[in-house]
């Protein structure tokens, strides 16, 4: 790379950082450390199950129109837990490249 091109890349990165730009399009943000991967786009931590994570992801995508990125938390009512066989209310928040749904102090679901 030439010095001018390197300088241009540095300027773009700094400007985006100062503007508070979100994740770079096309760059996948990693999930928090310690998660169990259910699939490429779904992860759980603690006693959350992959089956329940799938139900939460489906409910979230049904509640949030495609292409929308809500800034406020999204409450999902009556999400079926196929393992425990009972419904739960779950609150999810869009984060840096993925949606985070805490279930307790030690359990959560993450998905893209």
PDB file of N, CA and C in Angstrom:
ATOM      1  N   UNK A   1       0.839  -1.186   0.000  1.00  0.00           N
ATOM      2  CA  UNK A   1       0.000   0.000   0.000  1.00  0.00           C
ATOM      3  C   UNK A   1       0.881   1.246   0.000  1.00  0.00           C
ATOM      4  N   UNK A   2       0.386   2.223  -0.672  1.00  0.00           N
ATOM      5  CA  UNK A   2       1.129   3.479  -0.668  1.00  0.00           C
ATOM      6  C   UNK A   2       0.797   4.257   0.591  1.00  0.00           C
ATOM      7  N   UNK A   3       1.645   5.194   0.919  1.00  0.00           N
ATOM      8  CA  UNK A   3       1.450   6.009   2.120  1.00  0.00           C
ATOM      9  C   UNK A   3       0.145   6.805   2.036  1.00  0.00           C
ATOM     10  N   UNK A   4      -0.208   7.285   0.856  1.00  0.00           N
ATOM     11  CA  UNK A   4      -1.447   8.067   0.693  1.00  0.00           C
ATOM     12  C   UNK A   4      -2.674   7.194   0.954  1.00  0.00           C
ATOM     13  N   UNK A   5      -2.651   5.960   0.477  1.00  0.00           N
ATOM     14  CA  UNK A   5      -3.780   5.056   0.692  1.00  0.00           C
ATOM     15  C   UNK A   5      -3.912   4.691   2.162  1.00  0.00           C
ATOM     16  N   UNK A   6      -2.800   4.441   2.812  1.00  0.00           N
ATOM     17  CA  UNK A   6      -2.821   4.136   4.248  1.00  0.00           C
ATOM     18  C   UNK A   6      -3.383   5.321   5.029  1.00  0.00           C
ATOM     19  N   UNK A   7      -2.945   6.524   4.683  1.00  0.00           N
ATOM     20  CA  UNK A   7      -3.440   7.727   5.347  1.00  0.00           C
ATOM     21  C   UNK A   7      -4.942   7.863   5.137  1.00  0.00           C
ATOM     22  N   UNK A   8      -5.426   7.598   3.931  1.00  0.00           N
ATOM     23  CA  UNK A   8      -6.855   7.690   3.648  1.00  0.00           C
ATOM     24  C   UNK A   8      -7.642   6.692   4.502  1.00  0.00           C
ATOM     25  N   UNK A   9      -7.166   5.469   4.617  1.00  0.00           N
ATOM     26  CA  UNK A   9      -7.836   4.458   5.433  1.00  0.00           C
ATOM     27  C   UNK A   9      -7.889   4.896   6.890  1.00  0.00           C
ATOM     28  N   UNK A  10      -6.790   5.421   7.402  1.00  0.00           N
ATOM     29  CA  UNK A  10      -6.743   5.890   8.790  1.00  0.00           C
ATOM     30  C   UNK A  10      -7.738   7.028   9.001  1.00  0.00           C
ATOM     31  N   UNK A  11      -7.812   7.952   8.061  1.00  0.00           N
ATOM     32  CA  UNK A  11      -8.749   9.078   8.183  1.00  0.00           C
ATOM     33  C   UNK A  11     -10.184   8.573   8.214  1.00  0.00           C
ATOM     34  N   UNK A  12     -10.535   7.654   7.338  1.00  0.00           N
ATOM     35  CA  UNK A  12     -11.897   7.114   7.300  1.00  0.00           C
ATOM     36  C   UNK A  12     -12.236   6.437   8.621  1.00  0.00           C
ATOM     37  N   UNK A  13     -11.317   5.651   9.160  1.00  0.00           N
ATOM     38  CA  UNK A  13     -11.556   4.962  10.427  1.00  0.00           C
ATOM     39  C   UNK A  13     -11.750   5.974  11.545  1.00  0.00           C
ATOM     40  N   UNK A  14     -10.921   6.986  11.612  1.00  0.00           N
ATOM     41  CA  UNK A  14     -11.030   8.000  12.668  1.00  0.00           C
ATOM     42  C   UNK A  14     -12.327   8.772  12.536  1.00  0.00           C
ATOM     43  N   UNK A  15     -12.697   9.181  11.332  1.00  0.00           N
ATOM     44  CA  UNK A  15     -13.947   9.927  11.129  1.00  0.00           C
ATOM     45  C   UNK A  15     -15.139   9.081  11.548  1.00  0.00           C
ATOM     46  N   UNK A  16     -15.170   7.814  11.169  1.00  0.00           N
ATOM     47  CA  UNK A  16     -16.274   6.947  11.566  1.00  0.00           C
ATOM     48  C   UNK A  16     -16.322   6.761  13.071  1.00  0.00           C
ATOM     49  N   UNK A  17     -15.171   6.661  13.717  1.00  0.00           N
ATOM     50  CA  UNK A  17     -15.131   6.522  15.174  1.00  0.00           C
ATOM     51  C   UNK A  17     -15.674   7.776  15.841  1.00  0.00           C
ATOM     52  N   UNK A  18     -15.243   8.941  15.380  1.00  0.00           N
ATOM     53  CA  UNK A  18     -15.688  10.211  15.962  1.00  0.00           C
ATOM     54  C   UNK A  18     -17.185  10.399  15.757  1.00  0.00           C
ATOM     55  N   UNK A  19     -17.702  10.012  14.591  1.00  0.00           N
ATOM     56  CA  UNK A  19     -19.133  10.137  14.315  1.00  0.00           C
ATOM     57  C   UNK A  19     -19.949   9.132  15.104  1.00  0.00           C
ATOM     58  N   UNK A  20     -19.306   8.169  15.714  1.00  0.00           N
ATOM     59  CA  UNK A  20     -20.035   7.147  16.450  1.00  0.00           C
ATOM     60  C   UNK A  20     -20.661   6.130  15.524  1.00  0.00           C
ATOM     61  N   UNK A  21     -20.018   5.901  14.406  1.00  0.00           N
ATOM     62  CA  UNK A  21     -20.549   4.955  13.435  1.00  0.00           C
ATOM     63  C   UNK A  21     -20.676   3.572  14.052  1.00  0.00           C
ATOM     64  N   UNK A  22     -21.680   2.852  13.637  1.00  0.00           N
ATOM     65  CA  UNK A  22     -21.896   1.491  14.119  1.00  0.00           C
ATOM     66  C   UNK A  22     -20.916   0.549  13.458  1.00  0.00           C
ATOM     67  N   UNK A  23     -21.208  -0.728  13.561  1.00  0.00           N
ATOM     68  CA  UNK A  23     -20.319  -1.721  12.969  1.00  0.00           C
ATOM     69  C   UNK A  23     -20.182  -1.512  11.463  1.00  0.00           C
ATOM     70  N   UNK A  24     -19.027  -1.832  10.935  1.00  0.00           N
ATOM     71  CA  UNK A  24     -18.777  -1.706   9.510  1.00  0.00           C
ATOM     72  C   UNK A  24     -19.648  -2.709   8.775  1.00  0.00           C
ATOM     73  N   UNK A  25     -20.401  -2.260   7.758  1.00  0.00           N
ATOM     74  CA  UNK A  25     -21.245  -3.198   7.002  1.00  0.00           C
ATOM     75  C   UNK A  25     -20.412  -4.347   6.456  1.00  0.00           C
ATOM     76  N   UNK A  26     -20.943  -5.532   6.561  1.00  0.00           N
ATOM     77  CA  UNK A  26     -20.259  -6.711   6.069  1.00  0.00           C
ATOM     78  C   UNK A  26     -19.289  -7.323   7.066  1.00  0.00           C
ATOM     79  N   UNK A  27     -19.060  -6.648   8.189  1.00  0.00           N
ATOM     80  CA  UNK A  27     -18.171  -7.188   9.214  1.00  0.00           C
ATOM     81  C   UNK A  27     -19.023  -7.753  10.335  1.00  0.00           C
ATOM     82  N   UNK A  28     -18.892  -9.029  10.602  1.00  0.00           N
ATOM     83  CA  UNK A  28     -19.689  -9.690  11.619  1.00  0.00           C
ATOM     84  C   UNK A  28     -19.065  -9.474  12.988  1.00  0.00           C
ATOM     85  N   UNK A  29     -19.851  -8.958  13.920  1.00  0.00           N
ATOM     86  CA  UNK A  29     -19.382  -8.771  15.280  1.00  0.00           C
ATOM     87  C   UNK A  29     -19.433 -10.114  15.998  1.00  0.00           C
ATOM     88  N   UNK A  30     -18.451 -10.372  16.826  1.00  0.00           N
ATOM     89  CA  UNK A  30     -18.430 -11.634  17.555  1.00  0.00           C
ATOM     90  C   UNK A  30     -19.333 -11.548  18.781  1.00  0.00           C
ATOM     91  N   UNK A  31     -19.822 -12.688  19.196  1.00  0.00           N
ATOM     92  CA  UNK A  31     -20.639 -12.770  20.398  1.00  0.00           C
ATOM     93  C   UNK A  31     -19.728 -12.645  21.619  1.00  0.00           C
ATOM     94  N   UNK A  32     -20.292 -12.384  22.798  1.00  0.00           N
ATOM     95  CA  UNK A  32     -19.469 -12.308  24.011  1.00  0.00           C
ATOM     96  C   UNK A  32     -18.720 -13.615  24.273  1.00  0.00           C
ATOM     97  N   UNK A  33     -17.637 -13.513  25.018  1.00  0.00           N
ATOM     98  CA  UNK A  33     -16.832 -14.688  25.351  1.00  0.00           C
ATOM     99  C   UNK A  33     -17.636 -15.662  26.198  1.00  0.00           C
ATOM    100  N   UNK A  34     -17.370 -16.940  26.024  1.00  0.00           N
ATOM    101  CA  UNK A  34     -17.972 -17.968  26.862  1.00  0.00           C
ATOM    102  C   UNK A  34     -19.303 -18.503  26.376  1.00  0.00           C
ATOM    103  N   UNK A  35     -19.747 -18.075  25.193  1.00  0.00           N
ATOM    104  CA  UNK A  35     -21.033 -18.562  24.702  1.00  0.00           C
ATOM    105  C   UNK A  35     -20.901 -19.953  24.106  1.00  0.00           C
ATOM    106  N   UNK A  36     -22.031 -20.642  24.022  1.00  0.00           N
ATOM    107  CA  UNK A  36     -22.118 -21.914  23.311  1.00  0.00           C
ATOM    108  C   UNK A  36     -22.793 -21.599  21.980  1.00  0.00           C
ATOM    109  N   UNK A  37     -22.145 -21.915  20.887  1.00  0.00           N
ATOM    110  CA  UNK A  37     -22.710 -21.638  19.571  1.00  0.00           C
ATOM    111  C   UNK A  37     -23.764 -22.687  19.225  1.00  0.00           C
ATOM    112  N   UNK A  38     -24.955 -22.220  18.890  1.00  0.00           N
ATOM    113  CA  UNK A  38     -26.031 -23.113  18.431  1.00  0.00           C
ATOM    114  C   UNK A  38     -25.969 -23.260  16.918  1.00  0.00           C
ATOM    115  N   UNK A  39     -25.595 -22.180  16.257  1.00  0.00           N
ATOM    116  CA  UNK A  39     -25.405 -22.131  14.815  1.00  0.00           C
ATOM    117  C   UNK A  39     -24.488 -20.955  14.546  1.00  0.00           C
ATOM    118  N   UNK A  40     -24.249 -20.653  13.306  1.00  0.00           N
ATOM    119  CA  UNK A  40     -23.380 -19.524  12.963  1.00  0.00           C
ATOM    120  C   UNK A  40     -23.936 -18.202  13.484  1.00  0.00           C
ATOM    121  N   UNK A  41     -25.257 -18.106  13.590  1.00  0.00           N
ATOM    122  CA  UNK A  41     -25.900 -16.841  13.945  1.00  0.00           C
ATOM    123  C   UNK A  41     -26.625 -16.843  15.282  1.00  0.00           C
ATOM    124  N   UNK A  42     -26.540 -17.921  16.031  1.00  0.00           N
ATOM    125  CA  UNK A  42     -27.247 -18.016  17.314  1.00  0.00           C
ATOM    126  C   UNK A  42     -26.313 -18.605  18.363  1.00  0.00           C
ATOM    127  N   UNK A  43     -26.320 -17.984  19.560  1.00  0.00           N
ATOM    128  CA  UNK A  43     -25.483 -18.474  20.658  1.00  0.00           C
ATOM    129  C   UNK A  43     -26.231 -18.315  21.973  1.00  0.00           C
ATOM    130  N   UNK A  44     -25.859 -19.124  22.950  1.00  0.00           N
ATOM    131  CA  UNK A  44     -26.462 -19.049  24.286  1.00  0.00           C
ATOM    132  C   UNK A  44     -25.350 -19.071  25.326  1.00  0.00           C
ATOM    133  N   UNK A  45     -25.693 -18.632  26.516  1.00  0.00           N
ATOM    134  CA  UNK A  45     -24.776 -18.710  27.641  1.00  0.00           C
ATOM    135  C   UNK A  45     -25.584 -19.091  28.873  1.00  0.00           C
ATOM    136  N   UNK A  46     -24.937 -19.761  29.805  1.00  0.00           N
ATOM    137  CA  UNK A  46     -25.636 -20.201  31.016  1.00  0.00           C
ATOM    138  C   UNK A  46     -26.543 -21.368  30.708  1.00  0.00           C
ATOM    139  N   UNK A  47     -27.702 -21.409  31.380  1.00  0.00           N
ATOM    140  CA  UNK A  47     -28.604 -22.548  31.178  1.00  0.00           C
ATOM    141  C   UNK A  47     -29.623 -22.321  30.059  1.00  0.00           C
ATOM    142  N   UNK A  48     -29.419 -21.308  29.241  1.00  0.00           N
ATOM    143  CA  UNK A  48     -30.282 -21.102  28.074  1.00  0.00           C
ATOM    144  C   UNK A  48     -30.043 -22.240  27.080  1.00  0.00           C
ATOM    145  N   UNK A  49     -31.106 -22.685  26.424  1.00  0.00           N
ATOM    146  CA  UNK A  49     -30.974 -23.777  25.462  1.00  0.00           C
ATOM    147  C   UNK A  49     -31.041 -23.246  24.032  1.00  0.00           C
ATOM    148  N   UNK A  50     -30.460 -23.981  23.125  1.00  0.00           N
ATOM    149  CA  UNK A  50     -30.510 -23.607  21.719  1.00  0.00           C
ATOM    150  C   UNK A  50     -31.944 -23.648  21.192  1.00  0.00           C
ATOM    151  N   UNK A  51     -32.740 -24.567  21.700  1.00  0.00           N
ATOM    152  CA  UNK A  51     -34.145 -24.647  21.263  1.00  0.00           C
ATOM    153  C   UNK A  51     -34.897 -23.374  21.645  1.00  0.00           C
ATOM    154  N   UNK A  52     -34.703 -22.893  22.872  1.00  0.00           N
ATOM    155  CA  UNK A  52     -35.361 -21.668  23.319  1.00  0.00           C
ATOM    156  C   UNK A  52     -34.810 -20.468  22.550  1.00  0.00           C
ATOM    157  N   UNK A  53     -33.513 -20.477  22.274  1.00  0.00           N
ATOM    158  CA  UNK A  53     -32.907 -19.398  21.491  1.00  0.00           C
ATOM    159  C   UNK A  53     -33.558 -19.299  20.112  1.00  0.00           C
ATOM    160  N   UNK A  54     -33.830 -20.448  19.500  1.00  0.00           N
ATOM    161  CA  UNK A  54     -34.505 -20.449  18.201  1.00  0.00           C
ATOM    162  C   UNK A  54     -35.900 -19.854  18.282  1.00  0.00           C
ATOM    163  N   UNK A  55     -36.623 -20.172  19.354  1.00  0.00           N
ATOM    164  CA  UNK A  55     -37.966 -19.612  19.547  1.00  0.00           C
ATOM    165  C   UNK A  55     -37.902 -18.099  19.737  1.00  0.00           C
ATOM    166  N   UNK A  56     -36.913 -17.638  20.500  1.00  0.00           N
ATOM    167  CA  UNK A  56     -36.757 -16.200  20.735  1.00  0.00           C
ATOM    168  C   UNK A  56     -36.403 -15.484  19.435  1.00  0.00           C
ATOM    169  N   UNK A  57     -35.483 -16.047  18.677  1.00  0.00           N
ATOM    170  CA  UNK A  57     -35.086 -15.432  17.411  1.00  0.00           C
ATOM    171  C   UNK A  57     -36.284 -15.334  16.459  1.00  0.00           C
ATOM    172  N   UNK A  58     -37.075 -16.385  16.375  1.00  0.00           N
ATOM    173  CA  UNK A  58     -38.259 -16.380  15.508  1.00  0.00           C
ATOM    174  C   UNK A  58     -39.257 -15.318  15.958  1.00  0.00           C
ATOM    175  N   UNK A  59     -39.506 -15.236  17.270  1.00  0.00           N
ATOM    176  CA  UNK A  59     -40.445 -14.237  17.800  1.00  0.00           C
ATOM    177  C   UNK A  59     -39.934 -12.821  17.556  1.00  0.00           C
ATOM    178  N   UNK A  60     -38.630 -12.608  17.720  1.00  0.00           N
ATOM    179  CA  UNK A  60     -38.043 -11.278  17.498  1.00  0.00           C
ATOM    180  C   UNK A  60     -38.229 -10.852  16.043  1.00  0.00           C
ATOM    181  N   UNK A  61     -37.910 -11.753  15.109  1.00  0.00           N
ATOM    182  CA  UNK A  61     -38.030 -11.406  13.694  1.00  0.00           C
ATOM    183  C   UNK A  61     -39.493 -11.228  13.273  1.00  0.00           C
ATOM    184  N   UNK A  62     -40.411 -11.848  13.969  1.00  0.00           N
ATOM    185  CA  UNK A  62     -41.839 -11.622  13.692  1.00  0.00           C
ATOM    186  C   UNK A  62     -42.285 -10.259  14.220  1.00  0.00           C
ATOM    187  N   UNK A  63     -41.642  -9.788  15.302  1.00  0.00           N
ATOM    188  CA  UNK A  63     -42.036  -8.520  15.927  1.00  0.00           C
ATOM    189  C   UNK A  63     -41.347  -7.306  15.305  1.00  0.00           C
ATOM    190  N   UNK A  64     -40.164  -7.508  14.748  1.00  0.00           N
ATOM    191  CA  UNK A  64     -39.384  -6.390  14.195  1.00  0.00           C
ATOM    192  C   UNK A  64     -39.332  -6.547  12.678  1.00  0.00           C
ATOM    193  N   UNK A  65     -39.868  -5.569  11.948  1.00  0.00           N
ATOM    194  CA  UNK A  65     -39.852  -5.661  10.480  1.00  0.00           C
ATOM    195  C   UNK A  65     -38.429  -5.791   9.928  1.00  0.00           C
ATOM    196  N   UNK A  66     -38.296  -6.544   8.858  1.00  0.00           N
ATOM    197  CA  UNK A  66     -36.995  -6.757   8.223  1.00  0.00           C
ATOM    198  C   UNK A  66     -36.363  -5.413   7.872  1.00  0.00           C
ATOM    199  N   UNK A  67     -35.083  -5.298   8.148  1.00  0.00           N
ATOM    200  CA  UNK A  67     -34.355  -4.070   7.842  1.00  0.00           C
ATOM    201  C   UNK A  67     -34.390  -3.027   8.939  1.00  0.00           C
ATOM    202  N   UNK A  68     -35.261  -3.195   9.918  1.00  0.00           N
ATOM    203  CA  UNK A  68     -35.337  -2.255  11.037  1.00  0.00           C
ATOM    204  C   UNK A  68     -34.351  -2.634  12.115  1.00  0.00           C
ATOM    205  N   UNK A  69     -33.781  -1.627  12.763  1.00  0.00           N
ATOM    206  CA  UNK A  69     -32.880  -1.835  13.891  1.00  0.00           C
ATOM    207  C   UNK A  69     -33.397  -0.978  15.034  1.00  0.00           C
ATOM    208  N   UNK A  70     -34.239  -1.532  15.886  1.00  0.00           N
ATOM    209  CA  UNK A  70     -34.824  -0.719  16.957  1.00  0.00           C
ATOM    210  C   UNK A  70     -33.776  -0.266  17.973  1.00  0.00           C
ATOM    211  N   UNK A  71     -33.905   0.984  18.408  1.00  0.00           N
ATOM    212  CA  UNK A  71     -32.976   1.495  19.414  1.00  0.00           C
ATOM    213  C   UNK A  71     -33.482   1.199  20.824  1.00  0.00           C
ATOM    214  N   UNK A  72     -34.773   0.979  20.952  1.00  0.00           N
ATOM    215  CA  UNK A  72     -35.358   0.641  22.256  1.00  0.00           C
ATOM    216  C   UNK A  72     -35.465  -0.873  22.402  1.00  0.00           C
ATOM    217  N   UNK A  73     -35.473  -1.364  23.636  1.00  0.00           N
ATOM    218  CA  UNK A  73     -35.660  -2.807  23.847  1.00  0.00           C
ATOM    219  C   UNK A  73     -36.994  -3.283  23.255  1.00  0.00           C
ATOM    220  N   UNK A  74     -37.013  -4.520  22.822  1.00  0.00           N
ATOM    221  CA  UNK A  74     -38.211  -5.138  22.251  1.00  0.00           C
ATOM    222  C   UNK A  74     -38.686  -6.211  23.219  1.00  0.00           C
ATOM    223  N   UNK A  75     -39.919  -6.064  23.709  1.00  0.00           N
ATOM    224  CA  UNK A  75     -40.483  -7.066  24.622  1.00  0.00           C
ATOM    225  C   UNK A  75     -41.243  -8.098  23.821  1.00  0.00           C
ATOM    226  N   UNK A  76     -40.907  -9.354  24.051  1.00  0.00           N
ATOM    227  CA  UNK A  76     -41.558 -10.479  23.384  1.00  0.00           C
ATOM    228  C   UNK A  76     -42.370 -11.231  24.421  1.00  0.00           C
ATOM    229  N   UNK A  77     -43.668 -11.267  24.242  1.00  0.00           N
ATOM    230  CA  UNK A  77     -44.552 -11.925  25.200  1.00  0.00           C
ATOM    231  C   UNK A  77     -44.877 -13.345  24.760  1.00  0.00           C
ATOM    232  N   UNK A  78     -44.990 -14.222  25.729  1.00  0.00           N
ATOM    233  CA  UNK A  78     -45.437 -15.598  25.478  1.00  0.00           C
ATOM    234  C   UNK A  78     -44.540 -16.353  24.487  1.00  0.00           C
ATOM    235  N   UNK A  79     -43.229 -16.229  24.660  1.00  0.00           N
ATOM    236  CA  UNK A  79     -42.308 -16.987  23.809  1.00  0.00           C
ATOM    237  C   UNK A  79     -42.231 -18.410  24.348  1.00  0.00           C
ATOM    238  N   UNK A  80     -42.536 -19.361  23.493  1.00  0.00           N
ATOM    239  CA  UNK A  80     -42.575 -20.763  23.915  1.00  0.00           C
ATOM    240  C   UNK A  80     -41.172 -21.311  24.123  1.00  0.00           C
ATOM    241  N   UNK A  81     -40.959 -21.935  25.277  1.00  0.00           N
ATOM    242  CA  UNK A  81     -39.715 -22.648  25.554  1.00  0.00           C
ATOM    243  C   UNK A  81     -39.992 -24.121  25.306  1.00  0.00           C
ATOM    244  N   UNK A  82     -39.493 -24.670  24.188  1.00  0.00           N
ATOM    245  CA  UNK A  82     -39.799 -26.059  23.854  1.00  0.00           C
ATOM    246  C   UNK A  82     -39.241 -27.071  24.850  1.00  0.00           C
ATOM    247  N   UNK A  83     -38.228 -26.709  25.616  1.00  0.00           N
ATOM    248  CA  UNK A  83     -37.642 -27.631  26.584  1.00  0.00           C
ATOM    249  C   UNK A  83     -38.462 -27.635  27.873  1.00  0.00           C
ATOM    250  N   UNK A  84     -38.743 -26.454  28.412  1.00  0.00           N
ATOM    251  CA  UNK A  84     -39.508 -26.355  29.663  1.00  0.00           C
ATOM    252  C   UNK A  84     -41.012 -26.439  29.430  1.00  0.00           C
ATOM    253  N   UNK A  85     -41.410 -26.313  28.189  1.00  0.00           N
ATOM    254  CA  UNK A  85     -42.810 -26.397  27.768  1.00  0.00           C
ATOM    255  C   UNK A  85     -43.696 -25.393  28.497  1.00  0.00           C
ATOM    256  N   UNK A  86     -43.195 -24.157  28.575  1.00  0.00           N
ATOM    257  CA  UNK A  86     -44.000 -23.065  29.109  1.00  0.00           C
ATOM    258  C   UNK A  86     -43.556 -21.772  28.442  1.00  0.00           C
ATOM    259  N   UNK A  87     -44.449 -20.784  28.371  1.00  0.00           N
ATOM    260  CA  UNK A  87     -44.104 -19.514  27.719  1.00  0.00           C
ATOM    261  C   UNK A  87     -43.405 -18.548  28.684  1.00  0.00           C
ATOM    262  N   UNK A  88     -42.567 -17.683  28.126  1.00  0.00           N
ATOM    263  CA  UNK A  88     -41.850 -16.685  28.902  1.00  0.00           C
ATOM    264  C   UNK A  88     -41.932 -15.337  28.198  1.00  0.00           C
ATOM    265  N   UNK A  89     -41.816 -14.263  28.966  1.00  0.00           N
ATOM    266  CA  UNK A  89     -41.650 -12.924  28.413  1.00  0.00           C
ATOM    267  C   UNK A  89     -40.161 -12.648  28.375  1.00  0.00           C
ATOM    268  N   UNK A  90     -39.687 -12.190  27.222  1.00  0.00           N
ATOM    269  CA  UNK A  90     -38.261 -11.941  27.019  1.00  0.00           C
ATOM    270  C   UNK A  90     -38.100 -10.526  26.471  1.00  0.00           C
ATOM    271  N   UNK A  91     -37.090  -9.807  26.960  1.00  0.00           N
ATOM    272  CA  UNK A  91     -36.789  -8.471  26.456  1.00  0.00           C
ATOM    273  C   UNK A  91     -35.436  -8.539  25.750  1.00  0.00           C
ATOM    274  N   UNK A  92     -35.409  -8.089  24.501  1.00  0.00           N
ATOM    275  CA  UNK A  92     -34.189  -8.137  23.698  1.00  0.00           C
ATOM    276  C   UNK A  92     -33.771  -6.724  23.306  1.00  0.00           C
ATOM    277  N   UNK A  93     -32.468  -6.545  23.139  1.00  0.00           N
ATOM    278  CA  UNK A  93     -31.904  -5.242  22.780  1.00  0.00           C
ATOM    279  C   UNK A  93     -30.915  -5.422  21.640  1.00  0.00           C
ATOM    280  N   UNK A  94     -31.066  -4.589  20.614  1.00  0.00           N
ATOM    281  CA  UNK A  94     -30.090  -4.601  19.524  1.00  0.00           C
ATOM    282  C   UNK A  94     -28.759  -4.099  20.056  1.00  0.00           C
ATOM    283  N   UNK A  95     -27.708  -4.824  19.787  1.00  0.00           N
ATOM    284  CA  UNK A  95     -26.374  -4.442  20.240  1.00  0.00           C
ATOM    285  C   UNK A  95     -25.460  -4.188  19.060  1.00  0.00           C
ATOM    286  N   UNK A  96     -24.170  -4.268  19.280  1.00  0.00           N
ATOM    287  CA  UNK A  96     -23.190  -4.016  18.215  1.00  0.00           C
ATOM    288  C   UNK A  96     -23.053  -5.206  17.270  1.00  0.00           C
ATOM    289  N   UNK A  97     -23.991  -5.354  16.359  1.00  0.00           N
ATOM    290  CA  UNK A  97     -23.905  -6.437  15.391  1.00  0.00           C
ATOM    291  C   UNK A  97     -24.721  -7.660  15.724  1.00  0.00           C
ATOM    292  N   UNK A  98     -25.357  -7.675  16.876  1.00  0.00           N
ATOM    293  CA  UNK A  98     -26.203  -8.804  17.243  1.00  0.00           C
ATOM    294  C   UNK A  98     -27.243  -8.350  18.260  1.00  0.00           C
ATOM    295  N   UNK A  99     -28.268  -9.177  18.437  1.00  0.00           N
ATOM    296  CA  UNK A  99     -29.337  -8.916  19.403  1.00  0.00           C
ATOM    297  C   UNK A  99     -29.013  -9.698  20.667  1.00  0.00           C
ATOM    298  N   UNK A 100     -29.191  -9.061  21.807  1.00  0.00           N
ATOM    299  CA  UNK A 100     -28.917  -9.669  23.109  1.00  0.00           C
ATOM    300  C   UNK A 100     -30.222  -9.778  23.888  1.00  0.00           C
ATOM    301  N   UNK A 101     -30.498 -10.967  24.427  1.00  0.00           N
ATOM    302  CA  UNK A 101     -31.713 -11.207  25.195  1.00  0.00           C
ATOM    303  C   UNK A 101     -31.330 -11.850  26.531  1.00  0.00           C
ATOM    304  N   UNK A 102     -31.125 -11.035  27.567  1.00  0.00           N
ATOM    305  CA  UNK A 102     -30.798 -11.616  28.868  1.00  0.00           C
ATOM    306  C   UNK A 102     -32.007 -12.342  29.445  1.00  0.00           C
ATOM    307  N   UNK A 103     -31.775 -13.516  29.990  1.00  0.00           N
ATOM    308  CA  UNK A 103     -32.857 -14.315  30.566  1.00  0.00           C
ATOM    309  C   UNK A 103     -32.783 -14.330  32.089  1.00  0.00           C
ATOM    310  N   UNK A 104     -31.587 -14.151  32.618  1.00  0.00           N
ATOM    311  CA  UNK A 104     -31.362 -14.098  34.066  1.00  0.00           C
ATOM    312  C   UNK A 104     -29.990 -13.470  34.271  1.00  0.00           C
ATOM    313  N   UNK A 105     -29.510 -13.470  35.503  1.00  0.00           N
ATOM    314  CA  UNK A 105     -28.171 -12.933  35.760  1.00  0.00           C
ATOM    315  C   UNK A 105     -27.082 -13.751  35.088  1.00  0.00           C
ATOM    316  N   UNK A 106     -27.374 -15.028  34.802  1.00  0.00           N
ATOM    317  CA  UNK A 106     -26.326 -15.896  34.267  1.00  0.00           C
ATOM    318  C   UNK A 106     -26.708 -16.601  32.965  1.00  0.00           C
ATOM    319  N   UNK A 107     -27.810 -16.202  32.346  1.00  0.00           N
ATOM    320  CA  UNK A 107     -28.211 -16.837  31.098  1.00  0.00           C
ATOM    321  C   UNK A 107     -28.667 -15.774  30.092  1.00  0.00           C
ATOM    322  N   UNK A 108     -28.333 -16.010  28.830  1.00  0.00           N
ATOM    323  CA  UNK A 108     -28.723 -15.077  27.764  1.00  0.00           C
ATOM    324  C   UNK A 108     -28.718 -15.778  26.425  1.00  0.00           C
ATOM    325  N   UNK A 109     -29.406 -15.149  25.479  1.00  0.00           N
ATOM    326  CA  UNK A 109     -29.461 -15.604  24.095  1.00  0.00           C
ATOM    327  C   UNK A 109     -28.943 -14.469  23.230  1.00  0.00           C
ATOM    328  N   UNK A 110     -28.151 -14.820  22.230  1.00  0.00           N
ATOM    329  CA  UNK A 110     -27.618 -13.845  21.281  1.00  0.00           C
ATOM    330  C   UNK A 110     -27.868 -14.355  19.876  1.00  0.00           C
ATOM    331  N   UNK A 111     -28.227 -13.444  18.980  1.00  0.00           N
ATOM    332  CA  UNK A 111     -28.398 -13.850  17.585  1.00  0.00           C
ATOM    333  C   UNK A 111     -28.205 -12.669  16.645  1.00  0.00           C
ATOM    334  N   UNK A 112     -27.958 -13.003  15.393  1.00  0.00           N
ATOM    335  CA  UNK A 112     -27.837 -11.995  14.329  1.00  0.00           C
ATOM    336  C   UNK A 112     -28.993 -12.149  13.403  1.00  0.00           C
TER     337      UNK A 112
END
